């Protein structure tokens, strides 16, 4: 079991319930393997505009930091699901 941190940015163009559902979805993925703590930083201005294919240009985003313990194959699955989701603007997974 390794310790990981994920920092991801959700689209600000969705409502609060959709953001909360996404945060819970990713927390549920790792909670069956160990403890997961979520720290929502809220909406912040991005350093530069980010263009996405589906929802256009983003100037702000909802930042979320999640720390968890999991086996080595779990971050690959989380990354796969984040790449599929149109509501995730950017993400970064680090092993601590």
C-alpha atoms as a PDB file:
ATOM      1  CA  UNK A   1       0.000   0.000   0.000  1.00  0.00           C
ATOM      2  CA  UNK A   2       1.330   3.380  -1.027  1.00  0.00           C
ATOM      3  CA  UNK A   3       0.350   6.931  -0.098  1.00  0.00           C
ATOM      4  CA  UNK A   4      -0.890   9.151  -2.942  1.00  0.00           C
ATOM      5  CA  UNK A   5      -2.147  12.682  -3.525  1.00  0.00           C
ATOM      6  CA  UNK A   6      -4.381  13.777  -6.371  1.00  0.00           C
ATOM      7  CA  UNK A   7      -5.005  17.409  -7.186  1.00  0.00           C
ATOM      8  CA  UNK A   8      -7.725  17.856  -9.765  1.00  0.00           C
ATOM      9  CA  UNK A   9      -9.703  20.774 -11.176  1.00  0.00           C
ATOM     10  CA  UNK A  10     -13.401  20.436 -11.887  1.00  0.00           C
ATOM     11  CA  UNK A  11     -15.256  22.567 -14.398  1.00  0.00           C
ATOM     12  CA  UNK A  12     -16.971  25.588 -12.812  1.00  0.00           C
ATOM     13  CA  UNK A  13     -19.691  25.394 -15.470  1.00  0.00           C
ATOM     14  CA  UNK A  14     -21.566  22.668 -13.563  1.00  0.00           C
ATOM     15  CA  UNK A  15     -23.754  23.044 -10.491  1.00  0.00           C
ATOM     16  CA  UNK A  16     -22.730  22.280  -6.900  1.00  0.00           C
ATOM     17  CA  UNK A  17     -24.540  18.922  -6.795  1.00  0.00           C
ATOM     18  CA  UNK A  18     -22.674  17.648  -9.867  1.00  0.00           C
ATOM     19  CA  UNK A  19     -19.338  18.730  -8.363  1.00  0.00           C
ATOM     20  CA  UNK A  20     -20.151  16.981  -5.090  1.00  0.00           C
ATOM     21  CA  UNK A  21     -21.161  13.805  -6.958  1.00  0.00           C
ATOM     22  CA  UNK A  22     -17.839  13.742  -8.842  1.00  0.00           C
ATOM     23  CA  UNK A  23     -15.831  14.234  -5.646  1.00  0.00           C
ATOM     24  CA  UNK A  24     -17.757  11.395  -3.981  1.00  0.00           C
ATOM     25  CA  UNK A  25     -17.278   9.160  -7.031  1.00  0.00           C
ATOM     26  CA  UNK A  26     -13.490   9.432  -6.894  1.00  0.00           C
ATOM     27  CA  UNK A  27     -13.437   9.132  -3.109  1.00  0.00           C
ATOM     28  CA  UNK A  28     -15.496   5.927  -3.320  1.00  0.00           C
ATOM     29  CA  UNK A  29     -12.983   4.421  -5.757  1.00  0.00           C
ATOM     30  CA  UNK A  30     -10.203   4.521  -3.181  1.00  0.00           C
ATOM     31  CA  UNK A  31     -12.131   4.252   0.091  1.00  0.00           C
ATOM     32  CA  UNK A  32     -12.569   0.478  -0.242  1.00  0.00           C
ATOM     33  CA  UNK A  33      -8.758   0.040  -0.146  1.00  0.00           C
ATOM     34  CA  UNK A  34      -7.928   2.464   2.635  1.00  0.00           C
ATOM     35  CA  UNK A  35      -8.550   5.885   4.079  1.00  0.00           C
ATOM     36  CA  UNK A  36      -9.192   8.849   1.818  1.00  0.00           C
ATOM     37  CA  UNK A  37      -9.322  12.494   2.901  1.00  0.00           C
ATOM     38  CA  UNK A  38     -10.736  15.157   0.614  1.00  0.00           C
ATOM     39  CA  UNK A  39      -9.905  18.838   0.894  1.00  0.00           C
ATOM     40  CA  UNK A  40     -11.985  21.061  -1.388  1.00  0.00           C
ATOM     41  CA  UNK A  41     -10.251  24.356  -2.075  1.00  0.00           C
ATOM     42  CA  UNK A  42     -13.233  25.855  -3.878  1.00  0.00           C
ATOM     43  CA  UNK A  43     -13.386  27.931  -7.038  1.00  0.00           C
ATOM     44  CA  UNK A  44     -10.268  29.819  -8.049  1.00  0.00           C
ATOM     45  CA  UNK A  45      -9.060  31.692 -11.071  1.00  0.00           C
ATOM     46  CA  UNK A  46      -6.795  29.624 -13.320  1.00  0.00           C
ATOM     47  CA  UNK A  47      -3.285  30.873 -14.129  1.00  0.00           C
ATOM     48  CA  UNK A  48      -4.180  30.808 -17.822  1.00  0.00           C
ATOM     49  CA  UNK A  49      -7.362  29.956 -19.775  1.00  0.00           C
ATOM     50  CA  UNK A  50      -7.766  26.259 -20.572  1.00  0.00           C
ATOM     51  CA  UNK A  51      -9.584  25.220 -23.738  1.00  0.00           C
ATOM     52  CA  UNK A  52     -11.498  21.914 -23.725  1.00  0.00           C
ATOM     53  CA  UNK A  53     -13.243  20.270 -26.668  1.00  0.00           C
ATOM     54  CA  UNK A  54     -16.626  19.835 -25.028  1.00  0.00           C
ATOM     55  CA  UNK A  55     -17.215  22.824 -22.764  1.00  0.00           C
ATOM     56  CA  UNK A  56     -15.049  25.554 -24.322  1.00  0.00           C
ATOM     57  CA  UNK A  57     -12.726  27.945 -22.527  1.00  0.00           C
ATOM     58  CA  UNK A  58     -12.333  27.852 -18.748  1.00  0.00           C
ATOM     59  CA  UNK A  59     -11.137  30.835 -16.722  1.00  0.00           C
ATOM     60  CA  UNK A  60     -11.965  29.430 -13.260  1.00  0.00           C
ATOM     61  CA  UNK A  61     -12.068  25.943 -11.767  1.00  0.00           C
ATOM     62  CA  UNK A  62     -13.053  24.098  -8.590  1.00  0.00           C
ATOM     63  CA  UNK A  63      -9.892  22.675  -6.978  1.00  0.00           C
ATOM     64  CA  UNK A  64      -9.943  19.413  -5.003  1.00  0.00           C
ATOM     65  CA  UNK A  65      -7.035  17.731  -3.158  1.00  0.00           C
ATOM     66  CA  UNK A  66      -7.457  14.081  -2.193  1.00  0.00           C
ATOM     67  CA  UNK A  67      -4.954  12.085  -0.110  1.00  0.00           C
ATOM     68  CA  UNK A  68      -5.312   8.319   0.092  1.00  0.00           C
ATOM     69  CA  UNK A  69      -3.621   4.962   0.628  1.00  0.00           C
ATOM     70  CA  UNK A  70      -4.033   2.283  -2.054  1.00  0.00           C
ATOM     71  CA  UNK A  71      -2.317  -0.512  -3.966  1.00  0.00           C
ATOM     72  CA  UNK A  72      -0.170   0.548  -6.971  1.00  0.00           C
ATOM     73  CA  UNK A  73      -2.791  -0.331  -9.615  1.00  0.00           C
ATOM     74  CA  UNK A  74      -5.493   2.014  -8.271  1.00  0.00           C
ATOM     75  CA  UNK A  75      -3.959   5.339  -9.474  1.00  0.00           C
ATOM     76  CA  UNK A  76      -3.968   3.999 -13.047  1.00  0.00           C
ATOM     77  CA  UNK A  77      -7.695   3.271 -12.782  1.00  0.00           C
ATOM     78  CA  UNK A  78      -8.396   6.716 -11.311  1.00  0.00           C
ATOM     79  CA  UNK A  79      -6.392   8.328 -14.118  1.00  0.00           C
ATOM     80  CA  UNK A  80      -8.358   6.346 -16.720  1.00  0.00           C
ATOM     81  CA  UNK A  81     -11.678   7.499 -15.283  1.00  0.00           C
ATOM     82  CA  UNK A  82     -10.536  11.124 -14.997  1.00  0.00           C
ATOM     83  CA  UNK A  83      -9.446  11.162 -18.648  1.00  0.00           C
ATOM     84  CA  UNK A  84     -12.889   9.900 -19.688  1.00  0.00           C
ATOM     85  CA  UNK A  85     -14.786  12.537 -17.678  1.00  0.00           C
ATOM     86  CA  UNK A  86     -15.525  15.802 -19.495  1.00  0.00           C
ATOM     87  CA  UNK A  87     -15.914  17.681 -16.196  1.00  0.00           C
ATOM     88  CA  UNK A  88     -12.266  17.236 -15.119  1.00  0.00           C
ATOM     89  CA  UNK A  89     -10.145  20.039 -16.595  1.00  0.00           C
ATOM     90  CA  UNK A  90      -6.754  18.959 -15.231  1.00  0.00           C
ATOM     91  CA  UNK A  91      -5.407  16.446 -12.710  1.00  0.00           C
ATOM     92  CA  UNK A  92      -2.111  15.316 -11.242  1.00  0.00           C
ATOM     93  CA  UNK A  93      -1.435  12.129  -9.253  1.00  0.00           C
ATOM     94  CA  UNK A  94       1.684  11.945  -7.077  1.00  0.00           C
ATOM     95  CA  UNK A  95       3.048   9.190  -4.872  1.00  0.00           C
ATOM     96  CA  UNK A  96       4.026  10.641  -1.512  1.00  0.00           C
END
